[in-house]
PDB file of N, CA and C in Angstrom:
ATOM      1  N   MET A   1      42.623  14.718 -32.535  1.00  0.00           N
ATOM      2  CA  MET A   1      41.652  15.676 -32.051  1.00  0.00           C
ATOM      3  C   MET A   1      40.280  15.000 -32.038  1.00  0.00           C
ATOM      4  N   LYS A   2      39.548  15.212 -30.947  1.00  0.00           N
ATOM      5  CA  LYS A   2      38.215  14.636 -30.805  1.00  0.00           C
ATOM      6  C   LYS A   2      37.153  15.719 -30.915  1.00  0.00           C
ATOM      7  N   PRO A   3      35.989  15.349 -31.444  1.00  0.00           N
ATOM      8  CA  PRO A   3      34.886  16.316 -31.486  1.00  0.00           C
ATOM      9  C   PRO A   3      34.405  16.647 -30.077  1.00  0.00           C
ATOM     10  N   VAL A   4      33.896  17.853 -29.910  1.00  0.00           N
ATOM     11  CA  VAL A   4      33.335  18.276 -28.626  1.00  0.00           C
ATOM     12  C   VAL A   4      31.962  18.900 -28.865  1.00  0.00           C
ATOM     13  N   LEU A   5      31.116  18.804 -27.858  1.00  0.00           N
ATOM     14  CA  LEU A   5      29.778  19.372 -27.895  1.00  0.00           C
ATOM     15  C   LEU A   5      29.784  20.670 -27.114  1.00  0.00           C
ATOM     16  N   ILE A   6      29.307  21.745 -27.740  1.00  0.00           N
ATOM     17  CA  ILE A   6      29.206  23.009 -27.025  1.00  0.00           C
ATOM     18  C   ILE A   6      27.795  23.562 -27.188  1.00  0.00           C
ATOM     19  N   SER A   7      27.303  24.145 -26.133  1.00  0.00           N
ATOM     20  CA  SER A   7      25.994  24.775 -26.172  1.00  0.00           C
ATOM     21  C   SER A   7      26.121  26.093 -26.908  1.00  0.00           C
ATOM     22  N   THR A   8      25.137  26.424 -27.733  1.00  0.00           N
ATOM     23  CA  THR A   8      25.214  27.674 -28.474  1.00  0.00           C
ATOM     24  C   THR A   8      25.050  28.886 -27.573  1.00  0.00           C
ATOM     25  N   ASP A   9      24.558  28.694 -26.349  1.00  0.00           N
ATOM     26  CA  ASP A   9      24.463  29.857 -25.459  1.00  0.00           C
ATOM     27  C   ASP A   9      25.831  30.268 -24.933  1.00  0.00           C
ATOM     28  N   LYS A  10      26.853  29.452 -25.178  1.00  0.00           N
ATOM     29  CA  LYS A  10      28.222  29.775 -24.767  1.00  0.00           C
ATOM     30  C   LYS A  10      28.986  30.515 -25.862  1.00  0.00           C
ATOM     31  N   LEU A  11      28.381  30.659 -27.017  1.00  0.00           N
ATOM     32  CA  LEU A  11      29.058  31.287 -28.147  1.00  0.00           C
ATOM     33  C   LEU A  11      28.856  32.787 -28.146  1.00  0.00           C
ATOM     34  N   GLU A  12      29.657  33.454 -28.945  1.00  0.00           N
ATOM     35  CA  GLU A  12      29.518  34.898 -29.089  1.00  0.00           C
ATOM     36  C   GLU A  12      28.178  35.236 -29.715  1.00  0.00           C
ATOM     37  N   LYS A  13      27.781  36.463 -29.591  1.00  0.00           N
ATOM     38  CA  LYS A  13      26.463  36.899 -30.054  1.00  0.00           C
ATOM     39  C   LYS A  13      26.260  36.785 -31.557  1.00  0.00           C
ATOM     40  N   ASP A  14      27.331  36.664 -32.339  1.00  0.00           N
ATOM     41  CA  ASP A  14      27.152  36.558 -33.785  1.00  0.00           C
ATOM     42  C   ASP A  14      26.738  35.153 -34.212  1.00  0.00           C
ATOM     43  N   VAL A  15      26.406  34.313 -33.255  1.00  0.00           N
ATOM     44  CA  VAL A  15      26.033  32.933 -33.560  1.00  0.00           C
ATOM     45  C   VAL A  15      24.765  32.864 -34.409  1.00  0.00           C
ATOM     46  N   GLY A  16      23.954  33.913 -34.401  1.00  0.00           N
ATOM     47  CA  GLY A  16      22.731  33.918 -35.182  1.00  0.00           C
ATOM     48  C   GLY A  16      22.962  33.991 -36.679  1.00  0.00           C
ATOM     49  N   ARG A  17      24.216  34.109 -37.088  1.00  0.00           N
ATOM     50  CA  ARG A  17      24.487  34.181 -38.519  1.00  0.00           C
ATOM     51  C   ARG A  17      24.046  32.879 -39.185  1.00  0.00           C
ATOM     52  N   LYS A  18      23.757  32.995 -40.459  1.00  0.00           N
ATOM     53  CA  LYS A  18      23.334  31.808 -41.187  1.00  0.00           C
ATOM     54  C   LYS A  18      24.558  31.106 -41.760  1.00  0.00           C
ATOM     55  N   VAL A  19      24.554  29.800 -41.675  1.00  0.00           N
ATOM     56  CA  VAL A  19      25.601  28.975 -42.267  1.00  0.00           C
ATOM     57  C   VAL A  19      24.914  28.018 -43.232  1.00  0.00           C
ATOM     58  N   MET A  20      25.711  27.341 -44.004  1.00  0.00           N
ATOM     59  CA  MET A  20      25.174  26.377 -44.963  1.00  0.00           C
ATOM     60  C   MET A  20      25.377  24.963 -44.434  1.00  0.00           C
ATOM     61  N   ASP A  21      24.412  24.091 -44.726  1.00  0.00           N
ATOM     62  CA  ASP A  21      24.606  22.693 -44.386  1.00  0.00           C
ATOM     63  C   ASP A  21      25.396  22.020 -45.508  1.00  0.00           C
ATOM     64  N   LYS A  22      25.637  20.747 -45.356  1.00  0.00           N
ATOM     65  CA  LYS A  22      26.431  19.998 -46.324  1.00  0.00           C
ATOM     66  C   LYS A  22      25.832  20.048 -47.724  1.00  0.00           C
ATOM     67  N   HIS A  23      24.530  20.258 -47.814  1.00  0.00           N
ATOM     68  CA  HIS A  23      23.833  20.244 -49.096  1.00  0.00           C
ATOM     69  C   HIS A  23      23.616  21.641 -49.675  1.00  0.00           C
ATOM     70  N   GLY A  24      24.172  22.671 -49.027  1.00  0.00           N
ATOM     71  CA  GLY A  24      24.066  24.030 -49.536  1.00  0.00           C
ATOM     72  C   GLY A  24      22.828  24.783 -49.081  1.00  0.00           C
ATOM     73  N   ASN A  25      22.069  24.207 -48.150  1.00  0.00           N
ATOM     74  CA  ASN A  25      20.889  24.885 -47.612  1.00  0.00           C
ATOM     75  C   ASN A  25      21.286  25.756 -46.425  1.00  0.00           C
ATOM     76  N   ARG A  26      20.606  26.899 -46.296  1.00  0.00           N
ATOM     77  CA  ARG A  26      20.903  27.788 -45.173  1.00  0.00           C
ATOM     78  C   ARG A  26      20.390  27.195 -43.862  1.00  0.00           C
ATOM     79  N   VAL A  27      21.222  27.310 -42.830  1.00  0.00           N
ATOM     80  CA  VAL A  27      20.861  26.886 -41.478  1.00  0.00           C
ATOM     81  C   VAL A  27      21.147  28.061 -40.558  1.00  0.00           C
ATOM     82  N   ARG A  28      20.166  28.465 -39.787  1.00  0.00           N
ATOM     83  CA  ARG A  28      20.361  29.567 -38.847  1.00  0.00           C
ATOM     84  C   ARG A  28      20.697  28.980 -37.476  1.00  0.00           C
ATOM     85  N   ILE A  29      21.878  29.287 -36.984  1.00  0.00           N
ATOM     86  CA  ILE A  29      22.319  28.831 -35.669  1.00  0.00           C
ATOM     87  C   ILE A  29      21.685  29.757 -34.637  1.00  0.00           C
ATOM     88  N   VAL A  30      20.897  29.186 -33.744  1.00  0.00           N
ATOM     89  CA  VAL A  30      20.176  29.957 -32.740  1.00  0.00           C
ATOM     90  C   VAL A  30      20.827  29.733 -31.375  1.00  0.00           C
ATOM     91  N   ALA A  31      21.198  30.833 -30.712  1.00  0.00           N
ATOM     92  CA  ALA A  31      21.800  30.737 -29.386  1.00  0.00           C
ATOM     93  C   ALA A  31      20.752  30.294 -28.376  1.00  0.00           C
ATOM     94  N   GLY A  32      21.109  29.326 -27.540  1.00  0.00           N
ATOM     95  CA  GLY A  32      20.208  28.859 -26.496  1.00  0.00           C
ATOM     96  C   GLY A  32      20.751  27.620 -25.829  1.00  0.00           C
ATOM     97  N   PRO A  33      20.346  27.359 -24.603  1.00  0.00           N
ATOM     98  CA  PRO A  33      20.890  26.234 -23.845  1.00  0.00           C
ATOM     99  C   PRO A  33      20.478  24.862 -24.382  1.00  0.00           C
ATOM    100  N   ASP A  34      19.442  24.797 -25.211  1.00  0.00           N
ATOM    101  CA  ASP A  34      18.996  23.518 -25.764  1.00  0.00           C
ATOM    102  C   ASP A  34      19.538  23.259 -27.163  1.00  0.00           C
ATOM    103  N   ASN A  35      20.366  24.167 -27.676  1.00  0.00           N
ATOM    104  CA  ASN A  35      20.936  24.038 -29.011  1.00  0.00           C
ATOM    105  C   ASN A  35      22.443  23.860 -28.886  1.00  0.00           C
ATOM    106  N   HIS A  36      22.998  22.968 -29.702  1.00  0.00           N
ATOM    107  CA  HIS A  36      24.404  22.602 -29.561  1.00  0.00           C
ATOM    108  C   HIS A  36      25.092  22.467 -30.918  1.00  0.00           C
ATOM    109  N   LEU A  37      26.383  22.683 -30.895  1.00  0.00           N
ATOM    110  CA  LEU A  37      27.248  22.417 -32.045  1.00  0.00           C
ATOM    111  C   LEU A  37      28.217  21.315 -31.663  1.00  0.00           C
ATOM    112  N   VAL A  38      28.460  20.405 -32.581  1.00  0.00           N
ATOM    113  CA  VAL A  38      29.542  19.438 -32.438  1.00  0.00           C
ATOM    114  C   VAL A  38      30.686  20.008 -33.262  1.00  0.00           C
ATOM    115  N   MET A  39      31.782  20.279 -32.587  1.00  0.00           N
ATOM    116  CA  MET A  39      32.926  20.937 -33.208  1.00  0.00           C
ATOM    117  C   MET A  39      34.123  19.987 -33.256  1.00  0.00           C
ATOM    118  N   LEU A  40      34.890  20.101 -34.325  1.00  0.00           N
ATOM    119  CA  LEU A  40      36.172  19.421 -34.437  1.00  0.00           C
ATOM    120  C   LEU A  40      37.188  20.526 -34.661  1.00  0.00           C
ATOM    121  N   GLY A  41      37.901  20.890 -33.601  1.00  0.00           N
ATOM    122  CA  GLY A  41      38.750  22.072 -33.660  1.00  0.00           C
ATOM    123  C   GLY A  41      37.861  23.295 -33.807  1.00  0.00           C
ATOM    124  N   GLU A  42      38.126  24.096 -34.815  1.00  0.00           N
ATOM    125  CA  GLU A  42      37.328  25.296 -35.074  1.00  0.00           C
ATOM    126  C   GLU A  42      36.177  25.036 -36.050  1.00  0.00           C
ATOM    127  N   GLN A  43      36.082  23.817 -36.563  1.00  0.00           N
ATOM    128  CA  GLN A  43      35.103  23.481 -37.595  1.00  0.00           C
ATOM    129  C   GLN A  43      33.809  22.915 -37.000  1.00  0.00           C
ATOM    130  N   PRO A  44      32.666  23.588 -37.191  1.00  0.00           N
ATOM    131  CA  PRO A  44      31.403  22.985 -36.756  1.00  0.00           C
ATOM    132  C   PRO A  44      31.006  21.866 -37.724  1.00  0.00           C
ATOM    133  N   LEU A  45      30.719  20.686 -37.168  1.00  0.00           N
ATOM    134  CA  LEU A  45      30.342  19.536 -37.987  1.00  0.00           C
ATOM    135  C   LEU A  45      28.835  19.307 -37.998  1.00  0.00           C
ATOM    136  N   LEU A  46      28.232  19.407 -36.806  1.00  0.00           N
ATOM    137  CA  LEU A  46      26.796  19.179 -36.661  1.00  0.00           C
ATOM    138  C   LEU A  46      26.189  20.305 -35.845  1.00  0.00           C
ATOM    139  N   TYR A  47      24.954  20.643 -36.147  1.00  0.00           N
ATOM    140  CA  TYR A  47      24.177  21.577 -35.343  1.00  0.00           C
ATOM    141  C   TYR A  47      22.938  20.829 -34.881  1.00  0.00           C
ATOM    142  N   ALA A  48      22.723  20.803 -33.573  1.00  0.00           N
ATOM    143  CA  ALA A  48      21.581  20.109 -32.977  1.00  0.00           C
ATOM    144  C   ALA A  48      20.702  21.140 -32.284  1.00  0.00           C
ATOM    145  N   GLU A  49      19.446  21.175 -32.673  1.00  0.00           N
ATOM    146  CA  GLU A  49      18.504  22.139 -32.132  1.00  0.00           C
ATOM    147  C   GLU A  49      17.481  21.422 -31.270  1.00  0.00           C
ATOM    148  N   SER A  50      17.088  22.069 -30.176  1.00  0.00           N
ATOM    149  CA  SER A  50      16.039  21.557 -29.297  1.00  0.00           C
ATOM    150  C   SER A  50      16.375  20.156 -28.778  1.00  0.00           C
ATOM    151  N   HIS A  51      17.521  20.050 -28.106  1.00  0.00           N
ATOM    152  CA  HIS A  51      18.016  18.772 -27.579  1.00  0.00           C
ATOM    153  C   HIS A  51      18.079  17.702 -28.659  1.00  0.00           C
ATOM    154  N   ALA A  52      18.551  18.084 -29.816  1.00  0.00           N
ATOM    155  CA  ALA A  52      18.809  17.192 -30.952  1.00  0.00           C
ATOM    156  C   ALA A  52      17.534  16.658 -31.612  1.00  0.00           C
ATOM    157  N   ARG A  53      16.408  17.302 -31.399  1.00  0.00           N
ATOM    158  CA  ARG A  53      15.207  16.888 -32.142  1.00  0.00           C
ATOM    159  C   ARG A  53      15.399  17.159 -33.636  1.00  0.00           C
ATOM    160  N   ARG A  54      16.161  18.216 -33.934  1.00  0.00           N
ATOM    161  CA  ARG A  54      16.505  18.541 -35.312  1.00  0.00           C
ATOM    162  C   ARG A  54      18.028  18.677 -35.397  1.00  0.00           C
ATOM    163  N   VAL A  55      18.623  17.993 -36.369  1.00  0.00           N
ATOM    164  CA  VAL A  55      20.078  17.977 -36.523  1.00  0.00           C
ATOM    165  C   VAL A  55      20.426  18.317 -37.967  1.00  0.00           C
ATOM    166  N   TRP A  56      21.480  19.127 -38.135  1.00  0.00           N
ATOM    167  CA  TRP A  56      21.995  19.454 -39.464  1.00  0.00           C
ATOM    168  C   TRP A  56      23.459  19.075 -39.541  1.00  0.00           C
ATOM    169  N   ARG A  57      23.837  18.425 -40.630  1.00  0.00           N
ATOM    170  CA  ARG A  57      25.250  18.165 -40.903  1.00  0.00           C
ATOM    171  C   ARG A  57      25.751  19.377 -41.666  1.00  0.00           C
ATOM    172  N   LEU A  58      26.740  20.060 -41.111  1.00  0.00           N
ATOM    173  CA  LEU A  58      27.215  21.317 -41.681  1.00  0.00           C
ATOM    174  C   LEU A  58      28.352  21.147 -42.667  1.00  0.00           C
ATOM    175  N   THR A  59      28.996  20.007 -42.634  1.00  0.00           N
ATOM    176  CA  THR A  59      30.114  19.743 -43.537  1.00  0.00           C
ATOM    177  C   THR A  59      30.342  18.240 -43.590  1.00  0.00           C
ATOM    178  N   LYS A  60      31.200  17.824 -44.482  1.00  0.00           N
ATOM    179  CA  LYS A  60      31.558  16.407 -44.533  1.00  0.00           C
ATOM    180  C   LYS A  60      32.292  16.060 -43.239  1.00  0.00           C
ATOM    181  N   ILE A  61      31.849  15.001 -42.603  1.00  0.00           N
ATOM    182  CA  ILE A  61      32.461  14.567 -41.341  1.00  0.00           C
ATOM    183  C   ILE A  61      33.514  13.514 -41.659  1.00  0.00           C
ATOM    184  N   PRO A  62      34.733  13.698 -41.166  1.00  0.00           N
ATOM    185  CA  PRO A  62      35.752  12.672 -41.407  1.00  0.00           C
ATOM    186  C   PRO A  62      35.248  11.312 -40.888  1.00  0.00           C
ATOM    187  N   PRO A  63      35.395  10.251 -41.677  1.00  0.00           N
ATOM    188  CA  PRO A  63      34.865   8.946 -41.271  1.00  0.00           C
ATOM    189  C   PRO A  63      35.315   8.509 -39.879  1.00  0.00           C
ATOM    190  N   GLU A  64      36.540   8.848 -39.530  1.00  0.00           N
ATOM    191  CA  GLU A  64      37.046   8.443 -38.217  1.00  0.00           C
ATOM    192  C   GLU A  64      36.429   9.241 -37.072  1.00  0.00           C
ATOM    193  N   ALA A  65      35.689  10.300 -37.375  1.00  0.00           N
ATOM    194  CA  ALA A  65      35.080  11.135 -36.335  1.00  0.00           C
ATOM    195  C   ALA A  65      33.575  10.931 -36.193  1.00  0.00           C
ATOM    196  N   ILE A  66      32.957  10.169 -37.090  1.00  0.00           N
ATOM    197  CA  ILE A  66      31.500  10.035 -37.069  1.00  0.00           C
ATOM    198  C   ILE A  66      31.000   9.457 -35.749  1.00  0.00           C
ATOM    199  N   ASN A  67      31.581   8.348 -35.305  1.00  0.00           N
ATOM    200  CA  ASN A  67      31.109   7.731 -34.056  1.00  0.00           C
ATOM    201  C   ASN A  67      31.285   8.668 -32.866  1.00  0.00           C
ATOM    202  N   ALA A  68      32.396   9.397 -32.823  1.00  0.00           N
ATOM    203  CA  ALA A  68      32.623  10.339 -31.726  1.00  0.00           C
ATOM    204  C   ALA A  68      31.635  11.501 -31.777  1.00  0.00           C
ATOM    205  N   CYS A  69      31.275  11.941 -32.979  1.00  0.00           N
ATOM    206  CA  CYS A  69      30.268  13.014 -33.122  1.00  0.00           C
ATOM    207  C   CYS A  69      28.921  12.549 -32.579  1.00  0.00           C
ATOM    208  N   ILE A  70      28.534  11.334 -32.932  1.00  0.00           N
ATOM    209  CA  ILE A  70      27.282  10.783 -32.427  1.00  0.00           C
ATOM    210  C   ILE A  70      27.362  10.620 -30.912  1.00  0.00           C
ATOM    211  N   GLY A  71      28.514  10.225 -30.418  1.00  0.00           N
ATOM    212  CA  GLY A  71      28.712  10.119 -28.966  1.00  0.00           C
ATOM    213  C   GLY A  71      28.497  11.455 -28.279  1.00  0.00           C
ATOM    214  N   CYS A  72      28.938  12.529 -28.913  1.00  0.00           N
ATOM    215  CA  CYS A  72      28.705  13.863 -28.350  1.00  0.00           C
ATOM    216  C   CYS A  72      27.212  14.132 -28.211  1.00  0.00           C
ATOM    217  N   LEU A  73      26.443  13.822 -29.253  1.00  0.00           N
ATOM    218  CA  LEU A  73      24.993  14.042 -29.185  1.00  0.00           C
ATOM    219  C   LEU A  73      24.337  13.138 -28.141  1.00  0.00           C
ATOM    220  N   LYS A  74      24.884  11.944 -27.963  1.00  0.00           N
ATOM    221  CA  LYS A  74      24.317  11.025 -26.966  1.00  0.00           C
ATOM    222  C   LYS A  74      24.451  11.572 -25.550  1.00  0.00           C
ATOM    223  N   THR A  75      25.413  12.465 -25.329  1.00  0.00           N
ATOM    224  CA  THR A  75      25.554  13.043 -23.983  1.00  0.00           C
ATOM    225  C   THR A  75      24.344  13.897 -23.623  1.00  0.00           C
ATOM    226  N   LEU A  76      23.590  14.341 -24.636  1.00  0.00           N
ATOM    227  CA  LEU A  76      22.375  15.100 -24.366  1.00  0.00           C
ATOM    228  C   LEU A  76      21.321  14.220 -23.694  1.00  0.00           C
ATOM    229  N   ALA A  77      21.485  12.911 -23.798  1.00  0.00           N
ATOM    230  CA  ALA A  77      20.535  11.991 -23.174  1.00  0.00           C
ATOM    231  C   ALA A  77      20.547  12.133 -21.658  1.00  0.00           C
ATOM    232  N   ALA A  78      21.673  12.533 -21.086  1.00  0.00           N
ATOM    233  CA  ALA A  78      21.740  12.724 -19.633  1.00  0.00           C
ATOM    234  C   ALA A  78      20.751  13.793 -19.187  1.00  0.00           C
ATOM    235  N   ASP A  79      20.637  14.865 -19.970  1.00  0.00           N
ATOM    236  CA  ASP A  79      19.656  15.907 -19.659  1.00  0.00           C
ATOM    237  C   ASP A  79      18.241  15.381 -19.828  1.00  0.00           C
ATOM    238  N   ALA A  80      18.027  14.634 -20.909  1.00  0.00           N
ATOM    239  CA  ALA A  80      16.692  14.090 -21.165  1.00  0.00           C
ATOM    240  C   ALA A  80      16.329  13.053 -20.111  1.00  0.00           C
ATOM    241  N   ASP A  81      17.332  12.344 -19.575  1.00  0.00           N
ATOM    242  CA  ASP A  81      17.084  11.286 -18.598  1.00  0.00           C
ATOM    243  C   ASP A  81      16.410  11.821 -17.346  1.00  0.00           C
ATOM    244  N   GLU A  82      16.699  13.061 -16.982  1.00  0.00           N
ATOM    245  CA  GLU A  82      16.080  13.645 -15.797  1.00  0.00           C
ATOM    246  C   GLU A  82      14.561  13.707 -15.939  1.00  0.00           C
ATOM    247  N   SER A  83      14.080  13.869 -17.155  1.00  0.00           N
ATOM    248  CA  SER A  83      12.635  13.940 -17.369  1.00  0.00           C
ATOM    249  C   SER A  83      12.049  12.571 -17.703  1.00  0.00           C
ATOM    250  N   GLY A  84      12.914  11.564 -17.864  1.00  0.00           N
ATOM    251  CA  GLY A  84      12.452  10.226 -18.192  1.00  0.00           C
ATOM    252  C   GLY A  84      12.131  10.037 -19.658  1.00  0.00           C
ATOM    253  N   ALA A  85      12.448  11.022 -20.486  1.00  0.00           N
ATOM    254  CA  ALA A  85      12.133  10.940 -21.911  1.00  0.00           C
ATOM    255  C   ALA A  85      13.313  10.371 -22.691  1.00  0.00           C
ATOM    256  N   ASP A  86      13.009   9.707 -23.789  1.00  0.00           N
ATOM    257  CA  ASP A  86      14.043   9.228 -24.695  1.00  0.00           C
ATOM    258  C   ASP A  86      14.606  10.404 -25.485  1.00  0.00           C
ATOM    259  N   LEU A  87      15.800  10.223 -26.019  1.00  0.00           N
ATOM    260  CA  LEU A  87      16.379  11.216 -26.920  1.00  0.00           C
ATOM    261  C   LEU A  87      15.891  10.881 -28.321  1.00  0.00           C
ATOM    262  N   GLU A  88      15.127  11.789 -28.921  1.00  0.00           N
ATOM    263  CA  GLU A  88      14.532  11.548 -30.230  1.00  0.00           C
ATOM    264  C   GLU A  88      15.024  12.564 -31.245  1.00  0.00           C
ATOM    265  N   ILE A  89      15.543  12.053 -32.343  1.00  0.00           N
ATOM    266  CA  ILE A  89      15.901  12.906 -33.467  1.00  0.00           C
ATOM    267  C   ILE A  89      14.781  12.762 -34.489  1.00  0.00           C
ATOM    268  N   VAL A  90      14.074  13.850 -34.719  1.00  0.00           N
ATOM    269  CA  VAL A  90      12.923  13.840 -35.613  1.00  0.00           C
ATOM    270  C   VAL A  90      13.345  14.170 -37.046  1.00  0.00           C
ATOM    271  N   GLN A  91      14.248  15.143 -37.194  1.00  0.00           N
ATOM    272  CA  GLN A  91      14.685  15.575 -38.519  1.00  0.00           C
ATOM    273  C   GLN A  91      16.198  15.670 -38.588  1.00  0.00           C
ATOM    274  N   MET A  92      16.722  15.338 -39.754  1.00  0.00           N
ATOM    275  CA  MET A  92      18.131  15.569 -40.053  1.00  0.00           C
ATOM    276  C   MET A  92      18.186  16.244 -41.417  1.00  0.00           C
ATOM    277  N   ASN A  93      18.805  17.401 -41.463  1.00  0.00           N
ATOM    278  CA  ASN A  93      18.908  18.188 -42.701  1.00  0.00           C
ATOM    279  C   ASN A  93      17.530  18.450 -43.316  1.00  0.00           C
ATOM    280  N   GLY A  94      16.536  18.671 -42.460  1.00  0.00           N
ATOM    281  CA  GLY A  94      15.205  19.017 -42.928  1.00  0.00           C
ATOM    282  C   GLY A  94      14.368  17.851 -43.420  1.00  0.00           C
ATOM    283  N   LYS A  95      14.876  16.645 -43.320  1.00  0.00           N
ATOM    284  CA  LYS A  95      14.154  15.446 -43.753  1.00  0.00           C
ATOM    285  C   LYS A  95      13.879  14.567 -42.531  1.00  0.00           C
ATOM    286  N   PRO A  96      12.950  13.622 -42.669  1.00  0.00           N
ATOM    287  CA  PRO A  96      12.782  12.664 -41.570  1.00  0.00           C
ATOM    288  C   PRO A  96      14.126  12.013 -41.247  1.00  0.00           C
ATOM    289  N   ALA A  97      14.416  11.856 -39.972  1.00  0.00           N
ATOM    290  CA  ALA A  97      15.739  11.405 -39.532  1.00  0.00           C
ATOM    291  C   ALA A  97      16.177  10.086 -40.155  1.00  0.00           C
ATOM    292  N   THR A  98      15.255   9.154 -40.318  1.00  0.00           N
ATOM    293  CA  THR A  98      15.633   7.845 -40.858  1.00  0.00           C
ATOM    294  C   THR A  98      15.984   7.902 -42.340  1.00  0.00           C
ATOM    295  N   GLN A  99      15.693   9.007 -43.011  1.00  0.00           N
ATOM    296  CA  GLN A  99      16.004   9.137 -44.436  1.00  0.00           C
ATOM    297  C   GLN A  99      17.351   9.815 -44.693  1.00  0.00           C
ATOM    298  N   CYS A 100      18.018  10.237 -43.631  1.00  0.00           N
ATOM    299  CA  CYS A 100      19.311  10.916 -43.768  1.00  0.00           C
ATOM    300  C   CYS A 100      20.418   9.892 -44.009  1.00  0.00           C
ATOM    301  N   GLY A 101      21.429  10.296 -44.748  1.00  0.00           N
ATOM    302  CA  GLY A 101      22.564   9.426 -45.005  1.00  0.00           C
ATOM    303  C   GLY A 101      23.304   8.996 -43.747  1.00  0.00           C
ATOM    304  N   LEU A 102      23.209   9.787 -42.685  1.00  0.00           N
ATOM    305  CA  LEU A 102      23.875   9.439 -41.431  1.00  0.00           C
ATOM    306  C   LEU A 102      23.055   8.483 -40.556  1.00  0.00           C
ATOM    307  N   ALA A 103      21.835   8.173 -40.956  1.00  0.00           N
ATOM    308  CA  ALA A 103      20.966   7.333 -40.120  1.00  0.00           C
ATOM    309  C   ALA A 103      21.627   6.003 -39.776  1.00  0.00           C
ATOM    310  N   ALA A 104      22.288   5.375 -40.727  1.00  0.00           N
ATOM    311  CA  ALA A 104      22.926   4.078 -40.465  1.00  0.00           C
ATOM    312  C   ALA A 104      23.977   4.188 -39.360  1.00  0.00           C
ATOM    313  N   ALA A 105      24.724   5.287 -39.351  1.00  0.00           N
ATOM    314  CA  ALA A 105      25.736   5.480 -38.309  1.00  0.00           C
ATOM    315  C   ALA A 105      25.080   5.636 -36.938  1.00  0.00           C
ATOM    316  N   PHE A 106      23.945   6.343 -36.876  1.00  0.00           N
ATOM    317  CA  PHE A 106      23.233   6.477 -35.610  1.00  0.00           C
ATOM    318  C   PHE A 106      22.708   5.126 -35.142  1.00  0.00           C
ATOM    319  N   LEU A 107      22.216   4.319 -36.073  1.00  0.00           N
ATOM    320  CA  LEU A 107      21.714   2.989 -35.716  1.00  0.00           C
ATOM    321  C   LEU A 107      22.838   2.109 -35.180  1.00  0.00           C
ATOM    322  N   ARG A 108      24.029   2.222 -35.735  1.00  0.00           N
ATOM    323  CA  ARG A 108      25.189   1.454 -35.243  1.00  0.00           C
ATOM    324  C   ARG A 108      25.635   1.928 -33.861  1.00  0.00           C
ATOM    325  N   ASN A 109      25.208   3.126 -33.473  1.00  0.00           N
ATOM    326  CA  ASN A 109      25.638   3.711 -32.203  1.00  0.00           C
ATOM    327  C   ASN A 109      24.531   3.725 -31.154  1.00  0.00           C
ATOM    328  N   GLY A 110      23.605   2.776 -31.227  1.00  0.00           N
ATOM    329  CA  GLY A 110      22.626   2.601 -30.163  1.00  0.00           C
ATOM    330  C   GLY A 110      21.261   3.204 -30.382  1.00  0.00           C
ATOM    331  N   PHE A 111      21.076   3.984 -31.445  1.00  0.00           N
ATOM    332  CA  PHE A 111      19.756   4.526 -31.745  1.00  0.00           C
ATOM    333  C   PHE A 111      18.924   3.455 -32.434  1.00  0.00           C
ATOM    334  N   GLU A 112      17.628   3.575 -32.347  1.00  0.00           N
ATOM    335  CA  GLU A 112      16.702   2.689 -33.036  1.00  0.00           C
ATOM    336  C   GLU A 112      15.796   3.526 -33.925  1.00  0.00           C
ATOM    337  N   ALA A 113      15.353   2.924 -35.018  1.00  0.00           N
ATOM    338  CA  ALA A 113      14.376   3.589 -35.887  1.00  0.00           C
ATOM    339  C   ALA A 113      12.994   3.378 -35.287  1.00  0.00           C
ATOM    340  N   SER A 114      12.248   4.462 -35.197  1.00  0.00           N
ATOM    341  CA  SER A 114      10.866   4.411 -34.726  1.00  0.00           C
ATOM    342  C   SER A 114      10.047   5.266 -35.682  1.00  0.00           C
ATOM    343  N   GLY A 115       9.429   4.612 -36.650  1.00  0.00           N
ATOM    344  CA  GLY A 115       8.784   5.368 -37.714  1.00  0.00           C
ATOM    345  C   GLY A 115       9.854   6.114 -38.472  1.00  0.00           C
ATOM    346  N   GLU A 116       9.724   7.422 -38.549  1.00  0.00           N
ATOM    347  CA  GLU A 116      10.710   8.251 -39.246  1.00  0.00           C
ATOM    348  C   GLU A 116      11.716   8.890 -38.291  1.00  0.00           C
ATOM    349  N   LYS A 117      11.643   8.543 -37.003  1.00  0.00           N
ATOM    350  CA  LYS A 117      12.537   9.123 -35.992  1.00  0.00           C
ATOM    351  C   LYS A 117      13.676   8.156 -35.670  1.00  0.00           C
ATOM    352  N   LEU A 118      14.759   8.710 -35.156  1.00  0.00           N
ATOM    353  CA  LEU A 118      15.833   7.928 -34.545  1.00  0.00           C
ATOM    354  C   LEU A 118      15.723   8.153 -33.041  1.00  0.00           C
ATOM    355  N   VAL A 119      15.682   7.070 -32.288  1.00  0.00           N
ATOM    356  CA  VAL A 119      15.416   7.168 -30.849  1.00  0.00           C
ATOM    357  C   VAL A 119      16.518   6.463 -30.071  1.00  0.00           C
ATOM    358  N   LEU A 120      17.006   7.132 -29.041  1.00  0.00           N
ATOM    359  CA  LEU A 120      17.930   6.524 -28.089  1.00  0.00           C
ATOM    360  C   LEU A 120      17.147   6.321 -26.805  1.00  0.00           C
ATOM    361  N   HIS A 121      16.872   5.065 -26.480  1.00  0.00           N
ATOM    362  CA  HIS A 121      16.102   4.753 -25.267  1.00  0.00           C
ATOM    363  C   HIS A 121      16.994   4.864 -24.047  1.00  0.00           C
ATOM    364  N   LEU A 122      16.443   5.467 -23.015  1.00  0.00           N
ATOM    365  CA  LEU A 122      17.209   5.669 -21.776  1.00  0.00           C
ATOM    366  C   LEU A 122      16.854   4.632 -20.742  1.00  0.00           C
TER     367      LEU A 122
END
């Protein structure tokens, strides 16, 4: 099974419920075309808000799925490419993106560190 990216505007109206991130902090899933979930089956793994400017890890991601999850988020670059902007992750789990435990995996998958942000140049 491979992870898939779904827009939260495609979800049922109860999407506004609060869920917990991997660290036990509340995360409010907001329905909208710029917000996405990376799902593995029925399990949400990542929540990306505002074209992935802010990302939350919602559960432990199986090691074999990490690269595919990041690949899902990279597909958002196609939307950003129309405006000529890079895909920038500013925060992960409420911290600067480069301080997140997943930062190394993003760097291995084509992102670069720019200050405290992770950037995918288009």
